[in-house]
N, C-alpha and C. Protein backbone atom coordinates (compact mmCIF):
# COMPACT_ATOMS: atom_id res chain seq x y z
N UNK A 1 136.90 -20.97 -98.81
CA UNK A 1 138.07 -20.61 -98.02
C UNK A 1 138.94 -21.84 -97.77
N UNK A 2 138.30 -22.95 -97.36
CA UNK A 2 139.07 -24.18 -97.11
C UNK A 2 139.68 -24.72 -98.40
N UNK A 3 138.93 -24.66 -99.50
CA UNK A 3 139.42 -25.22 -100.76
C UNK A 3 140.65 -24.50 -101.28
N UNK A 4 140.71 -23.19 -101.15
CA UNK A 4 141.87 -22.47 -101.69
C UNK A 4 142.93 -22.23 -100.62
N UNK A 5 142.67 -22.66 -99.39
CA UNK A 5 143.65 -22.53 -98.31
C UNK A 5 143.95 -21.10 -97.93
N UNK A 6 142.94 -20.27 -97.95
CA UNK A 6 143.14 -18.86 -97.60
C UNK A 6 142.31 -18.51 -96.38
N UNK A 7 142.53 -17.34 -95.85
CA UNK A 7 141.80 -16.89 -94.66
C UNK A 7 140.57 -16.10 -95.05
N UNK A 8 139.65 -16.00 -94.12
CA UNK A 8 138.36 -15.34 -94.38
C UNK A 8 138.49 -13.93 -94.95
N UNK A 9 139.32 -13.03 -94.38
CA UNK A 9 139.41 -11.67 -94.92
C UNK A 9 139.82 -11.63 -96.40
N UNK A 10 140.78 -12.49 -96.78
CA UNK A 10 141.24 -12.51 -98.17
C UNK A 10 140.14 -13.00 -99.10
N UNK A 11 139.43 -14.05 -98.68
CA UNK A 11 138.34 -14.58 -99.50
C UNK A 11 137.23 -13.55 -99.62
N UNK A 12 136.91 -12.90 -98.52
CA UNK A 12 135.87 -11.88 -98.54
C UNK A 12 136.26 -10.74 -99.48
N UNK A 13 137.53 -10.33 -99.43
CA UNK A 13 137.99 -9.24 -100.31
C UNK A 13 137.93 -9.66 -101.78
N UNK A 14 138.27 -10.92 -102.06
CA UNK A 14 138.15 -11.42 -103.44
C UNK A 14 136.69 -11.39 -103.89
N UNK A 15 135.82 -11.84 -103.01
CA UNK A 15 134.39 -11.88 -103.34
C UNK A 15 133.86 -10.47 -103.61
N UNK A 16 134.21 -9.53 -102.72
CA UNK A 16 133.74 -8.15 -102.89
C UNK A 16 134.33 -7.54 -104.16
N UNK A 17 135.60 -7.85 -104.46
CA UNK A 17 136.22 -7.35 -105.69
C UNK A 17 135.47 -7.87 -106.91
N UNK A 18 135.13 -9.16 -106.88
CA UNK A 18 134.40 -9.76 -108.00
C UNK A 18 133.00 -9.14 -108.13
N UNK A 19 132.31 -8.97 -107.01
CA UNK A 19 130.98 -8.37 -107.04
C UNK A 19 131.05 -6.91 -107.51
N UNK A 20 132.13 -6.23 -107.16
CA UNK A 20 132.33 -4.86 -107.60
C UNK A 20 132.54 -4.82 -109.11
N UNK A 21 133.29 -5.79 -109.62
CA UNK A 21 133.49 -5.89 -111.06
C UNK A 21 132.15 -6.09 -111.77
N UNK A 22 131.30 -6.95 -111.24
CA UNK A 22 129.98 -7.17 -111.82
C UNK A 22 129.13 -5.90 -111.75
N UNK A 23 129.28 -5.17 -110.66
CA UNK A 23 128.54 -3.92 -110.51
C UNK A 23 129.02 -2.89 -111.55
N UNK A 24 130.31 -2.87 -111.82
CA UNK A 24 130.87 -1.97 -112.83
C UNK A 24 130.36 -2.34 -114.23
N UNK A 25 130.17 -3.63 -114.43
CA UNK A 25 129.68 -4.13 -115.72
C UNK A 25 128.32 -3.52 -116.07
N UNK A 26 127.52 -3.23 -115.05
CA UNK A 26 126.18 -2.67 -115.27
C UNK A 26 126.20 -1.16 -115.54
N UNK A 27 127.36 -0.52 -115.37
CA UNK A 27 127.45 0.93 -115.57
C UNK A 27 127.94 1.23 -116.98
N UNK A 28 127.18 2.02 -117.70
CA UNK A 28 127.52 2.34 -119.09
C UNK A 28 128.78 3.18 -119.22
N UNK A 29 129.05 4.02 -118.22
CA UNK A 29 130.18 4.95 -118.34
C UNK A 29 131.49 4.39 -117.77
N UNK A 30 131.57 3.08 -117.59
CA UNK A 30 132.81 2.46 -117.13
C UNK A 30 133.33 1.53 -118.21
N UNK A 31 134.61 1.68 -118.56
CA UNK A 31 135.25 0.82 -119.56
C UNK A 31 135.70 -0.47 -118.87
N UNK A 32 134.85 -1.48 -118.97
CA UNK A 32 135.12 -2.74 -118.25
C UNK A 32 136.40 -3.42 -118.75
N UNK A 33 136.69 -3.25 -120.02
CA UNK A 33 137.89 -3.86 -120.59
C UNK A 33 139.13 -3.40 -119.81
N UNK A 34 139.20 -2.11 -119.52
CA UNK A 34 140.35 -1.58 -118.80
C UNK A 34 140.40 -2.10 -117.36
N UNK A 35 139.23 -2.30 -116.76
CA UNK A 35 139.17 -2.81 -115.39
C UNK A 35 139.61 -4.27 -115.36
N UNK A 36 139.09 -5.07 -116.28
CA UNK A 36 139.40 -6.50 -116.30
C UNK A 36 140.89 -6.76 -116.50
N UNK A 37 141.54 -5.88 -117.28
CA UNK A 37 142.97 -6.04 -117.51
C UNK A 37 143.79 -5.83 -116.24
N UNK A 38 143.20 -5.12 -115.27
CA UNK A 38 143.92 -4.82 -114.02
C UNK A 38 143.09 -5.22 -112.81
N UNK A 39 142.52 -6.42 -112.83
CA UNK A 39 141.68 -6.85 -111.71
C UNK A 39 142.46 -6.87 -110.40
N UNK A 40 143.75 -7.22 -110.47
CA UNK A 40 144.55 -7.27 -109.25
C UNK A 40 144.67 -5.87 -108.62
N UNK A 41 144.67 -4.83 -109.45
CA UNK A 41 144.73 -3.46 -108.94
C UNK A 41 143.42 -3.13 -108.22
N UNK A 42 142.31 -3.58 -108.78
CA UNK A 42 141.02 -3.38 -108.13
C UNK A 42 141.02 -4.06 -106.76
N UNK A 43 141.50 -5.29 -106.73
CA UNK A 43 141.57 -6.05 -105.48
C UNK A 43 142.43 -5.32 -104.45
N UNK A 44 143.62 -4.87 -104.87
CA UNK A 44 144.53 -4.16 -103.96
C UNK A 44 143.92 -2.87 -103.44
N UNK A 45 143.19 -2.17 -104.31
CA UNK A 45 142.63 -0.87 -103.92
C UNK A 45 141.61 -1.01 -102.79
N UNK A 46 140.92 -2.15 -102.74
CA UNK A 46 139.87 -2.34 -101.73
C UNK A 46 140.40 -2.48 -100.31
N UNK A 47 141.69 -2.72 -100.17
CA UNK A 47 142.23 -2.82 -98.81
C UNK A 47 142.53 -1.44 -98.21
N UNK A 48 142.43 -0.38 -99.03
CA UNK A 48 142.72 0.96 -98.52
C UNK A 48 141.46 1.60 -97.95
N UNK A 49 141.64 2.28 -96.84
CA UNK A 49 140.53 2.96 -96.17
C UNK A 49 139.92 4.02 -97.09
N UNK A 50 140.77 4.72 -97.84
CA UNK A 50 140.29 5.78 -98.72
C UNK A 50 139.30 5.27 -99.77
N UNK A 51 139.60 4.14 -100.39
CA UNK A 51 138.71 3.57 -101.40
C UNK A 51 137.41 3.10 -100.75
N UNK A 52 137.53 2.43 -99.62
CA UNK A 52 136.34 1.96 -98.89
C UNK A 52 135.44 3.14 -98.52
N UNK A 53 136.05 4.22 -98.05
CA UNK A 53 135.30 5.40 -97.64
C UNK A 53 134.65 6.08 -98.85
N UNK A 54 135.41 6.27 -99.92
CA UNK A 54 134.90 6.99 -101.10
C UNK A 54 133.74 6.24 -101.75
N UNK A 55 133.86 4.91 -101.82
CA UNK A 55 132.81 4.11 -102.47
C UNK A 55 131.75 3.61 -101.49
N UNK A 56 131.94 3.89 -100.20
CA UNK A 56 131.04 3.41 -99.15
C UNK A 56 130.91 1.88 -99.17
N UNK A 57 132.06 1.23 -99.25
CA UNK A 57 132.11 -0.23 -99.25
C UNK A 57 132.43 -0.72 -97.84
N UNK A 58 131.63 -1.67 -97.37
CA UNK A 58 131.90 -2.32 -96.09
C UNK A 58 132.71 -3.58 -96.39
N UNK A 59 134.01 -3.51 -96.17
CA UNK A 59 134.91 -4.61 -96.53
C UNK A 59 134.71 -5.83 -95.64
N UNK A 60 133.96 -5.67 -94.53
CA UNK A 60 133.71 -6.79 -93.64
C UNK A 60 132.29 -7.33 -93.80
N UNK A 61 131.61 -6.89 -94.84
CA UNK A 61 130.21 -7.30 -95.04
C UNK A 61 130.10 -8.80 -95.32
N UNK A 62 129.01 -9.38 -94.85
CA UNK A 62 128.72 -10.78 -95.15
C UNK A 62 128.31 -10.88 -96.63
N UNK A 63 128.42 -12.08 -97.23
CA UNK A 63 128.13 -12.24 -98.66
C UNK A 63 126.79 -11.63 -99.13
N UNK A 64 125.74 -11.80 -98.34
CA UNK A 64 124.44 -11.26 -98.74
C UNK A 64 124.47 -9.75 -98.88
N UNK A 65 125.10 -9.08 -97.94
CA UNK A 65 125.18 -7.62 -97.98
C UNK A 65 126.22 -7.13 -98.98
N UNK A 66 127.19 -7.97 -99.28
CA UNK A 66 128.27 -7.57 -100.20
C UNK A 66 127.93 -7.83 -101.67
N UNK A 67 126.72 -8.31 -101.92
CA UNK A 67 126.34 -8.62 -103.31
C UNK A 67 126.45 -7.38 -104.20
N UNK A 68 126.06 -6.24 -103.64
CA UNK A 68 126.21 -4.96 -104.33
C UNK A 68 127.06 -4.06 -103.43
N UNK A 69 128.39 -4.16 -103.57
CA UNK A 69 129.28 -3.48 -102.62
C UNK A 69 129.10 -1.96 -102.54
N UNK A 70 128.86 -1.32 -103.70
CA UNK A 70 128.68 0.13 -103.71
C UNK A 70 127.19 0.45 -103.69
N UNK A 71 126.75 1.24 -102.71
CA UNK A 71 125.33 1.60 -102.67
C UNK A 71 124.92 2.39 -103.92
N UNK A 72 123.66 2.29 -104.29
CA UNK A 72 123.15 3.00 -105.48
C UNK A 72 123.46 4.50 -105.41
N UNK A 73 123.44 5.06 -104.21
CA UNK A 73 123.69 6.49 -104.05
C UNK A 73 125.13 6.89 -104.39
N UNK A 74 126.02 5.89 -104.54
CA UNK A 74 127.43 6.18 -104.81
C UNK A 74 127.92 5.63 -106.16
N UNK A 75 126.99 5.32 -107.04
CA UNK A 75 127.39 4.79 -108.35
C UNK A 75 128.13 5.84 -109.19
N UNK A 76 127.81 7.10 -108.97
CA UNK A 76 128.52 8.17 -109.67
C UNK A 76 130.00 8.19 -109.24
N UNK A 77 130.24 7.98 -107.93
CA UNK A 77 131.62 7.90 -107.43
C UNK A 77 132.33 6.68 -107.99
N UNK A 78 131.58 5.59 -108.19
CA UNK A 78 132.17 4.37 -108.76
C UNK A 78 132.70 4.64 -110.16
N UNK A 79 131.95 5.38 -110.96
CA UNK A 79 132.38 5.70 -112.32
C UNK A 79 133.64 6.56 -112.30
N UNK A 80 133.70 7.52 -111.40
CA UNK A 80 134.88 8.38 -111.29
C UNK A 80 136.08 7.58 -110.82
N UNK A 81 135.85 6.75 -109.81
CA UNK A 81 136.90 5.88 -109.27
C UNK A 81 137.50 5.02 -110.38
N UNK A 82 136.64 4.41 -111.19
CA UNK A 82 137.10 3.53 -112.28
C UNK A 82 137.92 4.32 -113.30
N UNK A 83 137.49 5.54 -113.60
CA UNK A 83 138.22 6.36 -114.57
C UNK A 83 139.59 6.73 -114.02
N UNK A 84 139.65 7.13 -112.75
CA UNK A 84 140.94 7.52 -112.16
C UNK A 84 141.90 6.34 -112.06
N UNK A 85 141.36 5.19 -111.71
CA UNK A 85 142.21 4.03 -111.47
C UNK A 85 142.55 3.25 -112.74
N UNK A 86 141.60 3.21 -113.69
CA UNK A 86 141.80 2.37 -114.88
C UNK A 86 141.79 3.13 -116.20
N UNK A 87 141.21 4.33 -116.22
CA UNK A 87 141.11 5.07 -117.47
C UNK A 87 140.06 4.47 -118.40
N UNK A 88 139.99 5.02 -119.60
CA UNK A 88 139.10 4.46 -120.64
C UNK A 88 139.74 4.72 -122.00
N UNK A 89 138.96 4.59 -123.07
CA UNK A 89 139.51 4.74 -124.43
C UNK A 89 140.08 6.14 -124.67
N UNK A 90 139.51 7.14 -124.01
CA UNK A 90 139.95 8.52 -124.25
C UNK A 90 140.87 9.07 -123.16
N UNK A 91 140.73 8.56 -121.96
CA UNK A 91 141.43 9.14 -120.81
C UNK A 91 142.33 8.11 -120.14
N UNK A 92 143.63 8.44 -120.00
CA UNK A 92 144.51 7.52 -119.28
C UNK A 92 144.24 7.58 -117.78
N UNK A 93 144.54 6.52 -117.04
CA UNK A 93 144.33 6.54 -115.59
C UNK A 93 145.31 7.51 -114.94
N UNK A 94 144.93 8.07 -113.79
CA UNK A 94 145.88 8.93 -113.07
C UNK A 94 146.83 8.07 -112.23
N UNK A 95 146.40 6.85 -111.90
CA UNK A 95 147.25 5.92 -111.16
C UNK A 95 147.97 5.06 -112.19
N UNK A 96 149.24 5.38 -112.41
CA UNK A 96 149.99 4.75 -113.51
C UNK A 96 150.52 3.36 -113.17
N UNK A 97 150.82 3.11 -111.89
CA UNK A 97 151.42 1.83 -111.50
C UNK A 97 150.72 1.26 -110.28
N UNK A 98 150.70 -0.06 -110.19
CA UNK A 98 150.01 -0.72 -109.07
C UNK A 98 150.65 -0.36 -107.72
N UNK A 99 151.93 -0.01 -107.71
CA UNK A 99 152.58 0.34 -106.45
C UNK A 99 152.06 1.67 -105.89
N UNK A 100 151.30 2.42 -106.70
CA UNK A 100 150.73 3.69 -106.24
C UNK A 100 149.30 3.55 -105.72
N UNK A 101 148.81 2.33 -105.64
CA UNK A 101 147.42 2.11 -105.21
C UNK A 101 147.21 2.56 -103.77
N UNK A 102 148.16 2.27 -102.89
CA UNK A 102 148.02 2.71 -101.49
C UNK A 102 148.02 4.23 -101.39
N UNK A 103 148.86 4.86 -102.20
CA UNK A 103 148.90 6.33 -102.23
C UNK A 103 147.57 6.88 -102.73
N UNK A 104 146.98 6.22 -103.72
CA UNK A 104 145.67 6.61 -104.23
C UNK A 104 144.63 6.53 -103.12
N UNK A 105 144.73 5.49 -102.29
CA UNK A 105 143.83 5.37 -101.14
C UNK A 105 143.99 6.53 -100.18
N UNK A 106 145.24 6.95 -99.96
CA UNK A 106 145.51 8.12 -99.10
C UNK A 106 144.86 9.37 -99.68
N UNK A 107 144.94 9.52 -100.99
CA UNK A 107 144.33 10.67 -101.67
C UNK A 107 142.83 10.68 -101.42
N UNK A 108 142.19 9.53 -101.55
CA UNK A 108 140.73 9.46 -101.40
C UNK A 108 140.27 9.66 -99.96
N UNK A 109 141.19 9.64 -99.01
CA UNK A 109 140.83 9.93 -97.61
C UNK A 109 140.70 11.43 -97.37
N UNK A 110 141.23 12.23 -98.29
CA UNK A 110 141.24 13.68 -98.12
C UNK A 110 140.11 14.34 -98.91
N UNK A 111 139.24 15.06 -98.20
CA UNK A 111 138.15 15.78 -98.88
C UNK A 111 138.68 16.79 -99.88
N UNK A 112 139.75 17.48 -99.50
CA UNK A 112 140.34 18.50 -100.36
C UNK A 112 140.85 17.88 -101.67
N UNK A 113 141.54 16.75 -101.56
CA UNK A 113 142.08 16.07 -102.74
C UNK A 113 140.96 15.52 -103.61
N UNK A 114 139.92 14.96 -102.98
CA UNK A 114 138.78 14.41 -103.73
C UNK A 114 138.05 15.52 -104.48
N UNK A 115 137.87 16.67 -103.83
CA UNK A 115 137.24 17.81 -104.51
C UNK A 115 138.03 18.20 -105.75
N UNK A 116 139.36 18.21 -105.63
CA UNK A 116 140.22 18.52 -106.77
C UNK A 116 140.03 17.50 -107.89
N UNK A 117 140.06 16.20 -107.54
CA UNK A 117 139.89 15.15 -108.55
C UNK A 117 138.55 15.27 -109.27
N UNK A 118 137.50 15.55 -108.50
CA UNK A 118 136.15 15.58 -109.07
C UNK A 118 135.90 16.82 -109.94
N UNK A 119 136.59 17.92 -109.65
CA UNK A 119 136.32 19.13 -110.44
C UNK A 119 137.24 19.27 -111.65
N UNK A 120 138.34 18.51 -111.69
CA UNK A 120 139.33 18.66 -112.76
C UNK A 120 139.02 17.76 -113.95
N UNK A 121 139.16 18.35 -115.15
CA UNK A 121 139.00 17.56 -116.37
C UNK A 121 140.16 16.58 -116.54
N UNK A 122 141.35 17.04 -116.21
CA UNK A 122 142.55 16.21 -116.31
C UNK A 122 143.32 16.26 -114.99
N UNK A 123 142.82 15.58 -113.96
CA UNK A 123 143.49 15.65 -112.66
C UNK A 123 144.88 15.04 -112.70
N UNK A 124 145.74 15.54 -111.84
CA UNK A 124 147.12 15.09 -111.76
C UNK A 124 147.33 14.37 -110.43
N UNK A 125 147.93 13.20 -110.49
CA UNK A 125 148.14 12.35 -109.31
C UNK A 125 148.98 13.07 -108.25
N UNK A 126 150.09 13.68 -108.67
CA UNK A 126 150.99 14.34 -107.72
C UNK A 126 150.31 15.52 -107.04
N UNK A 127 149.52 16.28 -107.81
CA UNK A 127 148.81 17.42 -107.23
C UNK A 127 147.81 16.93 -106.18
N UNK A 128 147.07 15.88 -106.51
CA UNK A 128 146.09 15.32 -105.56
C UNK A 128 146.79 14.82 -104.31
N UNK A 129 147.93 14.18 -104.48
CA UNK A 129 148.69 13.65 -103.34
C UNK A 129 149.16 14.79 -102.44
N UNK A 130 149.64 15.87 -103.06
CA UNK A 130 150.08 17.03 -102.29
C UNK A 130 148.92 17.66 -101.52
N UNK A 131 147.76 17.78 -102.18
CA UNK A 131 146.58 18.34 -101.52
C UNK A 131 146.13 17.46 -100.35
N UNK A 132 146.39 16.18 -100.44
CA UNK A 132 146.03 15.24 -99.37
C UNK A 132 147.04 15.29 -98.23
N UNK A 133 148.09 16.09 -98.40
CA UNK A 133 149.12 16.18 -97.35
C UNK A 133 150.06 15.01 -97.38
N UNK A 134 150.06 14.27 -98.46
CA UNK A 134 150.87 13.06 -98.56
C UNK A 134 152.35 13.29 -98.66
N UNK A 135 152.75 14.52 -99.07
CA UNK A 135 154.18 14.77 -99.20
C UNK A 135 154.82 15.27 -97.90
N UNK A 136 154.03 15.42 -96.84
CA UNK A 136 154.58 15.91 -95.57
C UNK A 136 155.69 15.01 -95.02
N UNK A 137 155.51 13.68 -94.96
CA UNK A 137 156.59 12.84 -94.42
C UNK A 137 157.91 12.99 -95.20
N UNK A 138 157.79 13.12 -96.53
CA UNK A 138 158.99 13.29 -97.35
C UNK A 138 159.66 14.64 -97.07
N UNK A 139 158.84 15.66 -96.86
CA UNK A 139 159.36 16.99 -96.56
C UNK A 139 160.07 16.99 -95.20
N UNK A 140 159.48 16.32 -94.23
CA UNK A 140 160.11 16.21 -92.90
C UNK A 140 161.46 15.52 -93.03
N UNK A 141 161.51 14.45 -93.84
CA UNK A 141 162.78 13.73 -94.05
C UNK A 141 163.84 14.63 -94.65
N UNK A 142 163.44 15.44 -95.65
CA UNK A 142 164.39 16.35 -96.30
C UNK A 142 164.98 17.34 -95.30
N UNK A 143 164.11 17.94 -94.47
CA UNK A 143 164.57 18.93 -93.50
C UNK A 143 165.45 18.27 -92.44
N UNK A 144 165.05 17.08 -91.97
CA UNK A 144 165.85 16.37 -90.96
C UNK A 144 167.23 15.99 -91.51
N UNK A 145 167.26 15.56 -92.77
CA UNK A 145 168.54 15.19 -93.39
C UNK A 145 169.44 16.42 -93.51
N UNK A 146 168.85 17.57 -93.90
CA UNK A 146 169.63 18.81 -94.01
C UNK A 146 170.18 19.20 -92.63
N UNK A 147 169.35 19.08 -91.60
CA UNK A 147 169.79 19.42 -90.23
C UNK A 147 170.93 18.51 -89.79
N UNK A 148 170.81 17.21 -90.11
CA UNK A 148 171.88 16.26 -89.76
C UNK A 148 173.19 16.63 -90.45
N UNK A 149 173.10 16.98 -91.74
CA UNK A 149 174.29 17.34 -92.51
C UNK A 149 174.94 18.62 -91.97
N UNK A 150 174.11 19.60 -91.61
CA UNK A 150 174.65 20.85 -91.06
C UNK A 150 175.32 20.59 -89.72
N UNK A 151 174.70 19.78 -88.88
CA UNK A 151 175.31 19.45 -87.59
C UNK A 151 176.67 18.77 -87.78
N UNK A 152 176.76 17.89 -88.78
CA UNK A 152 178.04 17.23 -89.06
C UNK A 152 179.07 18.24 -89.55
N UNK A 153 178.65 19.21 -90.37
CA UNK A 153 179.57 20.22 -90.90
C UNK A 153 180.05 21.19 -89.83
N UNK A 154 179.20 21.45 -88.84
CA UNK A 154 179.56 22.42 -87.79
C UNK A 154 180.83 22.01 -87.03
N UNK A 155 181.06 20.74 -86.91
CA UNK A 155 182.24 20.27 -86.17
C UNK A 155 183.55 20.52 -86.90
N UNK A 156 183.49 20.80 -88.22
CA UNK A 156 184.73 20.96 -88.99
C UNK A 156 184.83 22.29 -89.73
N UNK A 157 183.71 23.01 -89.84
CA UNK A 157 183.68 24.22 -90.67
C UNK A 157 184.70 25.27 -90.23
N UNK A 158 184.96 25.37 -88.91
CA UNK A 158 185.87 26.41 -88.42
C UNK A 158 187.30 26.25 -88.95
N UNK A 159 187.64 25.07 -89.46
CA UNK A 159 188.97 24.83 -90.03
C UNK A 159 189.12 25.45 -91.42
N UNK A 160 188.00 25.81 -92.04
CA UNK A 160 188.04 26.25 -93.44
C UNK A 160 187.34 27.61 -93.63
N UNK A 161 187.49 28.50 -92.67
CA UNK A 161 186.78 29.79 -92.74
C UNK A 161 187.20 30.64 -93.94
N UNK A 162 188.37 30.38 -94.52
CA UNK A 162 188.82 31.17 -95.67
C UNK A 162 188.47 30.52 -97.00
N UNK A 163 187.91 29.33 -96.97
CA UNK A 163 187.56 28.62 -98.21
C UNK A 163 186.40 29.33 -98.92
N UNK A 164 186.66 29.75 -100.17
CA UNK A 164 185.63 30.45 -100.94
C UNK A 164 184.46 29.53 -101.24
N UNK A 165 184.74 28.27 -101.57
CA UNK A 165 183.67 27.30 -101.87
C UNK A 165 182.77 27.09 -100.66
N UNK A 166 183.40 26.94 -99.48
CA UNK A 166 182.63 26.74 -98.26
C UNK A 166 181.81 27.98 -97.93
N UNK A 167 182.39 29.15 -98.12
CA UNK A 167 181.68 30.39 -97.83
C UNK A 167 180.42 30.52 -98.71
N UNK A 168 180.56 30.17 -99.99
CA UNK A 168 179.41 30.22 -100.91
C UNK A 168 178.32 29.22 -100.47
N UNK A 169 178.77 28.03 -100.04
CA UNK A 169 177.81 27.01 -99.60
C UNK A 169 177.09 27.46 -98.33
N UNK A 170 177.83 28.10 -97.39
CA UNK A 170 177.24 28.59 -96.15
C UNK A 170 176.23 29.71 -96.46
N UNK A 171 176.59 30.57 -97.42
CA UNK A 171 175.67 31.64 -97.80
C UNK A 171 174.37 31.07 -98.36
N UNK A 172 174.51 30.05 -99.17
CA UNK A 172 173.31 29.41 -99.74
C UNK A 172 172.43 28.81 -98.64
N UNK A 173 173.06 28.07 -97.71
CA UNK A 173 172.32 27.48 -96.60
C UNK A 173 171.65 28.57 -95.76
N UNK A 174 172.39 29.64 -95.50
CA UNK A 174 171.85 30.73 -94.70
C UNK A 174 170.65 31.38 -95.36
N UNK A 175 170.74 31.66 -96.66
CA UNK A 175 169.63 32.27 -97.40
C UNK A 175 168.40 31.37 -97.38
N UNK A 176 168.62 30.08 -97.64
CA UNK A 176 167.50 29.13 -97.65
C UNK A 176 166.88 28.99 -96.26
N UNK A 177 167.73 29.01 -95.23
CA UNK A 177 167.24 28.88 -93.86
C UNK A 177 166.39 30.08 -93.46
N UNK A 178 166.84 31.28 -93.86
CA UNK A 178 166.07 32.49 -93.57
C UNK A 178 164.69 32.40 -94.23
N UNK A 179 164.67 31.94 -95.49
CA UNK A 179 163.38 31.79 -96.20
C UNK A 179 162.48 30.78 -95.50
N UNK A 180 163.07 29.67 -95.07
CA UNK A 180 162.31 28.62 -94.39
C UNK A 180 161.75 29.13 -93.06
N UNK A 181 162.56 29.87 -92.32
CA UNK A 181 162.12 30.40 -91.03
C UNK A 181 160.99 31.41 -91.18
N UNK A 182 160.96 32.13 -92.30
CA UNK A 182 159.89 33.10 -92.53
C UNK A 182 158.53 32.40 -92.67
N UNK A 183 158.55 31.15 -93.10
CA UNK A 183 157.31 30.38 -93.21
C UNK A 183 156.77 30.02 -91.83
N UNK A 184 157.69 29.92 -90.85
CA UNK A 184 157.32 29.56 -89.48
C UNK A 184 157.78 30.66 -88.53
N UNK A 185 157.04 31.79 -88.46
CA UNK A 185 157.49 32.94 -87.67
C UNK A 185 157.68 32.64 -86.17
N UNK A 186 156.89 31.75 -85.61
CA UNK A 186 157.05 31.41 -84.20
C UNK A 186 158.40 30.73 -83.95
N UNK A 187 158.80 29.87 -84.88
CA UNK A 187 160.11 29.20 -84.75
C UNK A 187 161.22 30.23 -84.98
N UNK A 188 161.01 31.13 -85.96
CA UNK A 188 162.00 32.17 -86.24
C UNK A 188 162.26 33.00 -84.98
N UNK A 189 161.20 33.37 -84.26
CA UNK A 189 161.36 34.16 -83.03
C UNK A 189 162.18 33.40 -81.99
N UNK A 190 161.85 32.11 -81.81
CA UNK A 190 162.58 31.30 -80.82
C UNK A 190 164.04 31.15 -81.19
N UNK A 191 164.31 30.94 -82.47
CA UNK A 191 165.70 30.76 -82.94
C UNK A 191 166.47 32.05 -82.73
N UNK A 192 165.88 33.17 -83.13
CA UNK A 192 166.58 34.46 -82.99
C UNK A 192 166.81 34.82 -81.53
N UNK A 193 165.89 34.47 -80.65
CA UNK A 193 166.08 34.71 -79.21
C UNK A 193 167.25 33.88 -78.69
N UNK A 194 167.38 32.65 -79.19
CA UNK A 194 168.47 31.78 -78.75
C UNK A 194 169.82 32.24 -79.25
N UNK A 195 169.86 32.92 -80.41
CA UNK A 195 171.11 33.40 -80.99
C UNK A 195 171.62 34.61 -80.23
N UNK A 196 170.72 35.46 -79.72
CA UNK A 196 171.13 36.69 -79.04
C UNK A 196 171.70 36.43 -77.65
């Protein structure tokens, strides 16, 4: 730690990443070549709670306990993890870019998403992310942005009640809003009560 001028957590994570690489080396069903080419991705993945949980890795373990980061009972998960993250000669990885490593960690935190990954011959990253509920924040942003835009339009729409283009746009918004409200019947009831 002193020699490389780094802090204990970073050195520990490097050590555990290296020991994990050695552990992968002992597994016949892991393509080590693909892992070695992306060692930095392996290192980054270990900071996510999902990866730690899925592989049962104690990221705060002392060197003696971290010698074999993944318990023997989870070596099967290690092989799957390596295939999803790095791929092999026959199968491309589902994590295509290092910037998606944190998202992959989120996926591994979800039992539903993990079940999907484990049962699928060709799992899809986006499907797993959706099953993990990862697209909820983006969906909330979309709805909030639409609400903001409608609120801005409400202040001026009355000036253009005869505009055919505006009428078509309002019809589209109205149709989509009705469909959206049907998904949330309790909100639909409250909205309709407020309109009456």
